[in-house]
Amino acid sequence: FTLQPVLEIEEECADYLTEVIYSEMRARVA
């Protein structure tokens, strides 16, 4: 997939995507 962040971000798209996935996984497990 090609991803474009909805909000303007300062980090790389791949890093932001990893952060989004990480946060959701941690929340769901918790």
PDB file of all heavy atoms in Angstrom:
ATOM      1  N   PHE A   1       0.820  -1.203   0.000  1.00  0.00           N
ATOM      2  CA  PHE A   1       0.000   0.000   0.000  1.00  0.00           C
ATOM      3  C   PHE A   1       0.859   1.261   0.000  1.00  0.00           C
ATOM      4  O   PHE A   1       1.976   1.259   0.498  1.00  0.00           O
ATOM      5  CB  PHE A   1      -0.907   0.043   1.241  1.00  0.00           C
ATOM      6  CG  PHE A   1      -1.815  -1.142   1.353  1.00  0.00           C
ATOM      7  CD1 PHE A   1      -1.434  -2.255   2.088  1.00  0.00           C
ATOM      8  CD2 PHE A   1      -3.044  -1.162   0.718  1.00  0.00           C
ATOM      9  CE1 PHE A   1      -2.252  -3.365   2.181  1.00  0.00           C
ATOM     10  CE2 PHE A   1      -3.866  -2.263   0.800  1.00  0.00           C
ATOM     11  CZ  PHE A   1      -3.479  -3.371   1.533  1.00  0.00           C
ATOM     12  N   THR A   2       0.288   2.318  -0.543  1.00  0.00           N
ATOM     13  CA  THR A   2       0.868   3.652  -0.436  1.00  0.00           C
ATOM     14  C   THR A   2       0.088   4.362   0.649  1.00  0.00           C
ATOM     15  O   THR A   2      -1.144   4.409   0.596  1.00  0.00           O
ATOM     16  CB  THR A   2       0.750   4.416  -1.766  1.00  0.00           C
ATOM     17  OG1 THR A   2       1.433   3.671  -2.776  1.00  0.00           O
ATOM     18  CG2 THR A   2       1.336   5.798  -1.655  1.00  0.00           C
ATOM     19  N   LEU A   3       0.793   4.896   1.630  1.00  0.00           N
ATOM     20  CA  LEU A   3       0.135   5.579   2.738  1.00  0.00           C
ATOM     21  C   LEU A   3       0.550   7.042   2.780  1.00  0.00           C
ATOM     22  O   LEU A   3       1.718   7.369   2.575  1.00  0.00           O
ATOM     23  CB  LEU A   3       0.514   4.933   4.079  1.00  0.00           C
ATOM     24  CG  LEU A   3      -0.269   3.694   4.488  1.00  0.00           C
ATOM     25  CD1 LEU A   3      -0.039   2.537   3.577  1.00  0.00           C
ATOM     26  CD2 LEU A   3       0.039   3.335   5.910  1.00  0.00           C
ATOM     27  N   GLN A   4      -0.420   7.888   3.040  1.00  0.00           N
ATOM     28  CA  GLN A   4      -0.172   9.309   3.231  1.00  0.00           C
ATOM     29  C   GLN A   4      -0.779   9.685   4.576  1.00  0.00           C
ATOM     30  O   GLN A   4      -1.991   9.538   4.763  1.00  0.00           O
ATOM     31  CB  GLN A   4      -0.828  10.127   2.108  1.00  0.00           C
ATOM     32  CG  GLN A   4      -0.678  11.612   2.248  1.00  0.00           C
ATOM     33  CD  GLN A   4       0.774  12.057   2.133  1.00  0.00           C
ATOM     34  OE1 GLN A   4       1.511  11.572   1.292  1.00  0.00           O
ATOM     35  NE2 GLN A   4       1.186  12.954   2.992  1.00  0.00           N
ATOM     36  N   PRO A   5       0.044  10.136   5.530  1.00  0.00           N
ATOM     37  CA  PRO A   5      -0.512  10.516   6.835  1.00  0.00           C
ATOM     38  C   PRO A   5      -1.574  11.599   6.695  1.00  0.00           C
ATOM     39  O   PRO A   5      -1.437  12.517   5.885  1.00  0.00           O
ATOM     40  CB  PRO A   5       0.702  11.035   7.604  1.00  0.00           C
ATOM     41  CG  PRO A   5       1.876  10.403   6.932  1.00  0.00           C
ATOM     42  CD  PRO A   5       1.495  10.298   5.478  1.00  0.00           C
ATOM     43  N   VAL A   6      -2.636  11.473   7.467  1.00  0.00           N
ATOM     44  CA  VAL A   6      -3.719  12.459   7.451  1.00  0.00           C
ATOM     45  C   VAL A   6      -3.232  13.774   8.050  1.00  0.00           C
ATOM     46  O   VAL A   6      -3.531  14.842   7.533  1.00  0.00           O
ATOM     47  CB  VAL A   6      -4.949  11.921   8.215  1.00  0.00           C
ATOM     48  CG1 VAL A   6      -6.014  12.976   8.354  1.00  0.00           C
ATOM     49  CG2 VAL A   6      -5.505  10.683   7.519  1.00  0.00           C
ATOM     50  N   LEU A   7      -2.465  13.679   9.131  1.00  0.00           N
ATOM     51  CA  LEU A   7      -1.903  14.857   9.778  1.00  0.00           C
ATOM     52  C   LEU A   7      -0.475  15.065   9.316  1.00  0.00           C
ATOM     53  O   LEU A   7       0.214  14.116   8.944  1.00  0.00           O
ATOM     54  CB  LEU A   7      -1.917  14.689  11.305  1.00  0.00           C
ATOM     55  CG  LEU A   7      -3.275  14.439  11.946  1.00  0.00           C
ATOM     56  CD1 LEU A   7      -3.096  14.157  13.431  1.00  0.00           C
ATOM     57  CD2 LEU A   7      -4.188  15.634  11.742  1.00  0.00           C
ATOM     58  N   GLU A   8      -0.035  16.298   9.362  1.00  0.00           N
ATOM     59  CA  GLU A   8       1.360  16.566   9.031  1.00  0.00           C
ATOM     60  C   GLU A   8       2.236  16.044  10.166  1.00  0.00           C
ATOM     61  O   GLU A   8       1.995  16.337  11.341  1.00  0.00           O
ATOM     62  CB  GLU A   8       1.573  18.069   8.851  1.00  0.00           C
ATOM     63  CG  GLU A   8       2.907  18.387   8.232  1.00  0.00           C
ATOM     64  CD  GLU A   8       2.996  19.822   7.778  1.00  0.00           C
ATOM     65  OE1 GLU A   8       2.010  20.339   7.221  1.00  0.00           O
ATOM     66  OE2 GLU A   8       4.066  20.406   7.978  1.00  0.00           O
ATOM     67  N   ILE A   9       3.210  15.244   9.807  1.00  0.00           N
ATOM     68  CA  ILE A   9       4.100  14.650  10.810  1.00  0.00           C
ATOM     69  C   ILE A   9       5.542  14.981  10.457  1.00  0.00           C
ATOM     70  O   ILE A   9       5.861  15.252   9.302  1.00  0.00           O
ATOM     71  CB  ILE A   9       3.917  13.120  10.909  1.00  0.00           C
ATOM     72  CG1 ILE A   9       4.186  12.449   9.561  1.00  0.00           C
ATOM     73  CG2 ILE A   9       2.543  12.762  11.433  1.00  0.00           C
ATOM     74  CD1 ILE A   9       4.263  10.961   9.608  1.00  0.00           C
ATOM     75  N   GLU A  10       6.395  14.929  11.471  1.00  0.00           N
ATOM     76  CA  GLU A  10       7.803  15.223  11.251  1.00  0.00           C
ATOM     77  C   GLU A  10       8.625  13.964  11.002  1.00  0.00           C
ATOM     78  O   GLU A  10       9.721  14.041  10.480  1.00  0.00           O
ATOM     79  CB  GLU A  10       8.368  15.993  12.445  1.00  0.00           C
ATOM     80  CG  GLU A  10       7.770  17.370  12.575  1.00  0.00           C
ATOM     81  CD  GLU A  10       8.388  18.173  13.707  1.00  0.00           C
ATOM     82  OE1 GLU A  10       9.484  17.810  14.171  1.00  0.00           O
ATOM     83  OE2 GLU A  10       7.767  19.151  14.111  1.00  0.00           O
ATOM     84  N   GLU A  11       8.102  12.814  11.390  1.00  0.00           N
ATOM     85  CA  GLU A  11       8.863  11.583  11.240  1.00  0.00           C
ATOM     86  C   GLU A  11       8.540  10.904   9.915  1.00  0.00           C
ATOM     87  O   GLU A  11       7.588  11.261   9.227  1.00  0.00           O
ATOM     88  CB  GLU A  11       8.600  10.653  12.416  1.00  0.00           C
ATOM     89  CG  GLU A  11       7.144  10.260  12.583  1.00  0.00           C
ATOM     90  CD  GLU A  11       6.873   9.609  13.926  1.00  0.00           C
ATOM     91  OE1 GLU A  11       7.639   8.720  14.325  1.00  0.00           O
ATOM     92  OE2 GLU A  11       5.879   9.982  14.544  1.00  0.00           O
ATOM     93  N   GLU A  12       9.338   9.922   9.575  1.00  0.00           N
ATOM     94  CA  GLU A  12       9.119   9.152   8.361  1.00  0.00           C
ATOM     95  C   GLU A  12       7.796   8.391   8.450  1.00  0.00           C
ATOM     96  O   GLU A  12       7.392   7.959   9.527  1.00  0.00           O
ATOM     97  CB  GLU A  12      10.260   8.144   8.168  1.00  0.00           C
ATOM     98  CG  GLU A  12      11.595   8.774   7.856  1.00  0.00           C
ATOM     99  CD  GLU A  12      11.620   9.419   6.484  1.00  0.00           C
ATOM    100  OE1 GLU A  12      11.069   8.837   5.534  1.00  0.00           O
ATOM    101  OE2 GLU A  12      12.195  10.511   6.381  1.00  0.00           O
ATOM    102  N   CYS A  13       7.155   8.173   7.311  1.00  0.00           N
ATOM    103  CA  CYS A  13       5.876   7.472   7.265  1.00  0.00           C
ATOM    104  C   CYS A  13       5.994   6.069   7.872  1.00  0.00           C
ATOM    105  O   CYS A  13       5.122   5.650   8.635  1.00  0.00           O
ATOM    106  CB  CYS A  13       5.385   7.395   5.829  1.00  0.00           C
ATOM    107  SG  CYS A  13       3.736   6.689   5.639  1.00  0.00           S
ATOM    108  N   ALA A  14       7.071   5.351   7.560  1.00  0.00           N
ATOM    109  CA  ALA A  14       7.241   3.989   8.091  1.00  0.00           C
ATOM    110  C   ALA A  14       7.347   3.999   9.615  1.00  0.00           C
ATOM    111  O   ALA A  14       6.777   3.140  10.288  1.00  0.00           O
ATOM    112  CB  ALA A  14       8.473   3.325   7.479  1.00  0.00           C
ATOM    113  N   ASP A  15       8.062   4.980  10.157  1.00  0.00           N
ATOM    114  CA  ASP A  15       8.196   5.079  11.613  1.00  0.00           C
ATOM    115  C   ASP A  15       6.856   5.406  12.257  1.00  0.00           C
ATOM    116  O   ASP A  15       6.498   4.853  13.297  1.00  0.00           O
ATOM    117  CB  ASP A  15       9.226   6.139  11.995  1.00  0.00           C
ATOM    118  CG  ASP A  15      10.637   5.762  11.585  1.00  0.00           C
ATOM    119  OD1 ASP A  15      10.910   4.560  11.391  1.00  0.00           O
ATOM    120  OD2 ASP A  15      11.469   6.677  11.436  1.00  0.00           O
ATOM    121  N   TYR A  16       6.119   6.313  11.639  1.00  0.00           N
ATOM    122  CA  TYR A  16       4.804   6.697  12.164  1.00  0.00           C
ATOM    123  C   TYR A  16       3.851   5.502  12.104  1.00  0.00           C
ATOM    124  O   TYR A  16       3.113   5.233  13.057  1.00  0.00           O
ATOM    125  CB  TYR A  16       4.260   7.890  11.378  1.00  0.00           C
ATOM    126  CG  TYR A  16       2.920   8.394  11.842  1.00  0.00           C
ATOM    127  CD1 TYR A  16       2.691   8.728  13.172  1.00  0.00           C
ATOM    128  CD2 TYR A  16       1.885   8.556  10.934  1.00  0.00           C
ATOM    129  CE1 TYR A  16       1.453   9.195  13.588  1.00  0.00           C
ATOM    130  CE2 TYR A  16       0.655   9.030  11.344  1.00  0.00           C
ATOM    131  CZ  TYR A  16       0.437   9.354  12.666  1.00  0.00           C
ATOM    132  OH  TYR A  16      -0.792   9.819  13.069  1.00  0.00           O
ATOM    133  N   LEU A  17       3.869   4.767  10.995  1.00  0.00           N
ATOM    134  CA  LEU A  17       3.020   3.581  10.857  1.00  0.00           C
ATOM    135  C   LEU A  17       3.362   2.555  11.933  1.00  0.00           C
ATOM    136  O   LEU A  17       2.465   1.998  12.577  1.00  0.00           O
ATOM    137  CB  LEU A  17       3.180   2.968   9.466  1.00  0.00           C
ATOM    138  CG  LEU A  17       2.436   1.655   9.218  1.00  0.00           C
ATOM    139  CD1 LEU A  17       0.924   1.827   9.403  1.00  0.00           C
ATOM    140  CD2 LEU A  17       2.771   1.116   7.838  1.00  0.00           C
ATOM    141  N   THR A  18       4.635   2.321  12.153  1.00  0.00           N
ATOM    142  CA  THR A  18       5.066   1.374  13.189  1.00  0.00           C
ATOM    143  C   THR A  18       4.560   1.817  14.553  1.00  0.00           C
ATOM    144  O   THR A  18       4.073   1.007  15.342  1.00  0.00           O
ATOM    145  CB  THR A  18       6.604   1.243  13.195  1.00  0.00           C
ATOM    146  OG1 THR A  18       7.034   0.796  11.902  1.00  0.00           O
ATOM    147  CG2 THR A  18       7.076   0.258  14.245  1.00  0.00           C
ATOM    148  N   GLU A  19       4.637   3.108  14.819  1.00  0.00           N
ATOM    149  CA  GLU A  19       4.165   3.663  16.094  1.00  0.00           C
ATOM    150  C   GLU A  19       2.653   3.478  16.260  1.00  0.00           C
ATOM    151  O   GLU A  19       2.174   3.113  17.333  1.00  0.00           O
ATOM    152  CB  GLU A  19       4.516   5.153  16.126  1.00  0.00           C
ATOM    153  CG  GLU A  19       4.337   5.837  17.434  1.00  0.00           C
ATOM    154  CD  GLU A  19       4.796   7.285  17.335  1.00  0.00           C
ATOM    155  OE1 GLU A  19       5.964   7.525  17.027  1.00  0.00           O
ATOM    156  OE2 GLU A  19       3.939   8.159  17.564  1.00  0.00           O
ATOM    157  N   VAL A  20       1.896   3.711  15.191  1.00  0.00           N
ATOM    158  CA  VAL A  20       0.444   3.533  15.222  1.00  0.00           C
ATOM    159  C   VAL A  20       0.096   2.072  15.510  1.00  0.00           C
ATOM    160  O   VAL A  20      -0.752   1.772  16.361  1.00  0.00           O
ATOM    161  CB  VAL A  20      -0.191   4.000  13.883  1.00  0.00           C
ATOM    162  CG1 VAL A  20      -1.632   3.520  13.743  1.00  0.00           C
ATOM    163  CG2 VAL A  20      -0.122   5.516  13.760  1.00  0.00           C
ATOM    164  N   ILE A  21       0.757   1.148  14.818  1.00  0.00           N
ATOM    165  CA  ILE A  21       0.499  -0.280  15.019  1.00  0.00           C
ATOM    166  C   ILE A  21       0.879  -0.690  16.436  1.00  0.00           C
ATOM    167  O   ILE A  21       0.117  -1.382  17.123  1.00  0.00           O
ATOM    168  CB  ILE A  21       1.246  -1.124  13.965  1.00  0.00           C
ATOM    169  CG1 ILE A  21       0.673  -0.856  12.570  1.00  0.00           C
ATOM    170  CG2 ILE A  21       1.170  -2.616  14.308  1.00  0.00           C
ATOM    171  CD1 ILE A  21       1.488  -1.464  11.440  1.00  0.00           C
ATOM    172  N   TYR A  22       2.049  -0.254  16.889  1.00  0.00           N
ATOM    173  CA  TYR A  22       2.524  -0.587  18.238  1.00  0.00           C
ATOM    174  C   TYR A  22       1.531  -0.115  19.294  1.00  0.00           C
ATOM    175  O   TYR A  22       1.145  -0.879  20.190  1.00  0.00           O
ATOM    176  CB  TYR A  22       3.901   0.046  18.473  1.00  0.00           C
ATOM    177  CG  TYR A  22       4.420  -0.154  19.876  1.00  0.00           C
ATOM    178  CD1 TYR A  22       5.160  -1.284  20.196  1.00  0.00           C
ATOM    179  CD2 TYR A  22       4.171   0.778  20.880  1.00  0.00           C
ATOM    180  CE1 TYR A  22       5.639  -1.485  21.478  1.00  0.00           C
ATOM    181  CE2 TYR A  22       4.643   0.586  22.167  1.00  0.00           C
ATOM    182  CZ  TYR A  22       5.372  -0.537  22.468  1.00  0.00           C
ATOM    183  OH  TYR A  22       5.835  -0.726  23.738  1.00  0.00           O
ATOM    184  N   SER A  23       1.107   1.128  19.204  1.00  0.00           N
ATOM    185  CA  SER A  23       0.190   1.698  20.201  1.00  0.00           C
ATOM    186  C   SER A  23      -1.124   0.934  20.261  1.00  0.00           C
ATOM    187  O   SER A  23      -1.643   0.659  21.348  1.00  0.00           O
ATOM    188  CB  SER A  23      -0.086   3.171  19.888  1.00  0.00           C
ATOM    189  OG  SER A  23       1.082   3.926  19.993  1.00  0.00           O
ATOM    190  N   GLU A  24      -1.650   0.577  19.109  1.00  0.00           N
ATOM    191  CA  GLU A  24      -2.920  -0.147  19.081  1.00  0.00           C
ATOM    192  C   GLU A  24      -2.758  -1.569  19.611  1.00  0.00           C
ATOM    193  O   GLU A  24      -3.590  -2.052  20.371  1.00  0.00           O
ATOM    194  CB  GLU A  24      -3.507  -0.165  17.671  1.00  0.00           C
ATOM    195  CG  GLU A  24      -4.911  -0.702  17.615  1.00  0.00           C
ATOM    196  CD  GLU A  24      -5.919   0.083  18.457  1.00  0.00           C
ATOM    197  OE1 GLU A  24      -5.737   1.292  18.681  1.00  0.00           O
ATOM    198  OE2 GLU A  24      -6.905  -0.538  18.890  1.00  0.00           O
ATOM    199  N   MET A  25      -1.672  -2.227  19.246  1.00  0.00           N
ATOM    200  CA  MET A  25      -1.450  -3.582  19.760  1.00  0.00           C
ATOM    201  C   MET A  25      -1.297  -3.576  21.273  1.00  0.00           C
ATOM    202  O   MET A  25      -1.888  -4.410  21.957  1.00  0.00           O
ATOM    203  CB  MET A  25      -0.208  -4.218  19.113  1.00  0.00           C
ATOM    204  CG  MET A  25      -0.532  -4.906  17.823  1.00  0.00           C
ATOM    205  SD  MET A  25       0.661  -6.178  17.390  1.00  0.00           S
ATOM    206  CE  MET A  25       1.977  -5.197  16.782  1.00  0.00           C
ATOM    207  N   ARG A  26      -0.512  -2.655  21.803  1.00  0.00           N
ATOM    208  CA  ARG A  26      -0.318  -2.585  23.262  1.00  0.00           C
ATOM    209  C   ARG A  26      -1.646  -2.312  23.962  1.00  0.00           C
ATOM    210  O   ARG A  26      -1.952  -2.911  24.995  1.00  0.00           O
ATOM    211  CB  ARG A  26       0.713  -1.523  23.628  1.00  0.00           C
ATOM    212  CG  ARG A  26       2.129  -1.839  23.208  1.00  0.00           C
ATOM    213  CD  ARG A  26       2.671  -3.081  23.818  1.00  0.00           C
ATOM    214  NE  ARG A  26       2.960  -2.846  25.229  1.00  0.00           N
ATOM    215  CZ  ARG A  26       3.473  -3.740  26.038  1.00  0.00           C
ATOM    216  NH1 ARG A  26       3.753  -4.943  25.593  1.00  0.00           N
ATOM    217  NH2 ARG A  26       3.704  -3.471  27.287  1.00  0.00           N
ATOM    218  N   ALA A  27      -2.441  -1.427  23.389  1.00  0.00           N
ATOM    219  CA  ALA A  27      -3.732  -1.088  23.996  1.00  0.00           C
ATOM    220  C   ALA A  27      -4.674  -2.288  23.991  1.00  0.00           C
ATOM    221  O   ALA A  27      -5.338  -2.570  24.992  1.00  0.00           O
ATOM    222  CB  ALA A  27      -4.372   0.091  23.253  1.00  0.00           C
ATOM    223  N   ARG A  28      -4.730  -3.008  22.879  1.00  0.00           N
ATOM    224  CA  ARG A  28      -5.641  -4.146  22.777  1.00  0.00           C
ATOM    225  C   ARG A  28      -5.231  -5.259  23.738  1.00  0.00           C
ATOM    226  O   ARG A  28      -6.073  -5.888  24.372  1.00  0.00           O
ATOM    227  CB  ARG A  28      -5.707  -4.691  21.352  1.00  0.00           C
ATOM    228  CG  ARG A  28      -6.264  -3.741  20.314  1.00  0.00           C
ATOM    229  CD  ARG A  28      -7.547  -3.058  20.685  1.00  0.00           C
ATOM    230  NE  ARG A  28      -8.595  -3.958  21.120  1.00  0.00           N
ATOM    231  CZ  ARG A  28      -9.741  -3.570  21.669  1.00  0.00           C
ATOM    232  NH1 ARG A  28      -9.987  -2.290  21.860  1.00  0.00           N
ATOM    233  NH2 ARG A  28     -10.645  -4.445  22.031  1.00  0.00           N
ATOM    234  N   VAL A  29      -3.937  -5.521  23.858  1.00  0.00           N
ATOM    235  CA  VAL A  29      -3.458  -6.551  24.771  1.00  0.00           C
ATOM    236  C   VAL A  29      -3.737  -6.121  26.212  1.00  0.00           C
ATOM    237  O   VAL A  29      -4.204  -6.922  27.029  1.00  0.00           O
ATOM    238  CB  VAL A  29      -1.961  -6.849  24.533  1.00  0.00           C
ATOM    239  CG1 VAL A  29      -1.399  -7.729  25.634  1.00  0.00           C
ATOM    240  CG2 VAL A  29      -1.774  -7.519  23.164  1.00  0.00           C
ATOM    241  N   ALA A  30      -3.490  -4.849  26.519  1.00  0.00           N
ATOM    242  CA  ALA A  30      -3.767  -4.344  27.866  1.00  0.00           C
ATOM    243  C   ALA A  30      -5.262  -4.415  28.182  1.00  0.00           C
ATOM    244  O   ALA A  30      -5.657  -4.644  29.329  1.00  0.00           O
ATOM    245  CB  ALA A  30      -3.279  -2.902  27.994  1.00  0.00           C
TER     246      ALA A  30
END
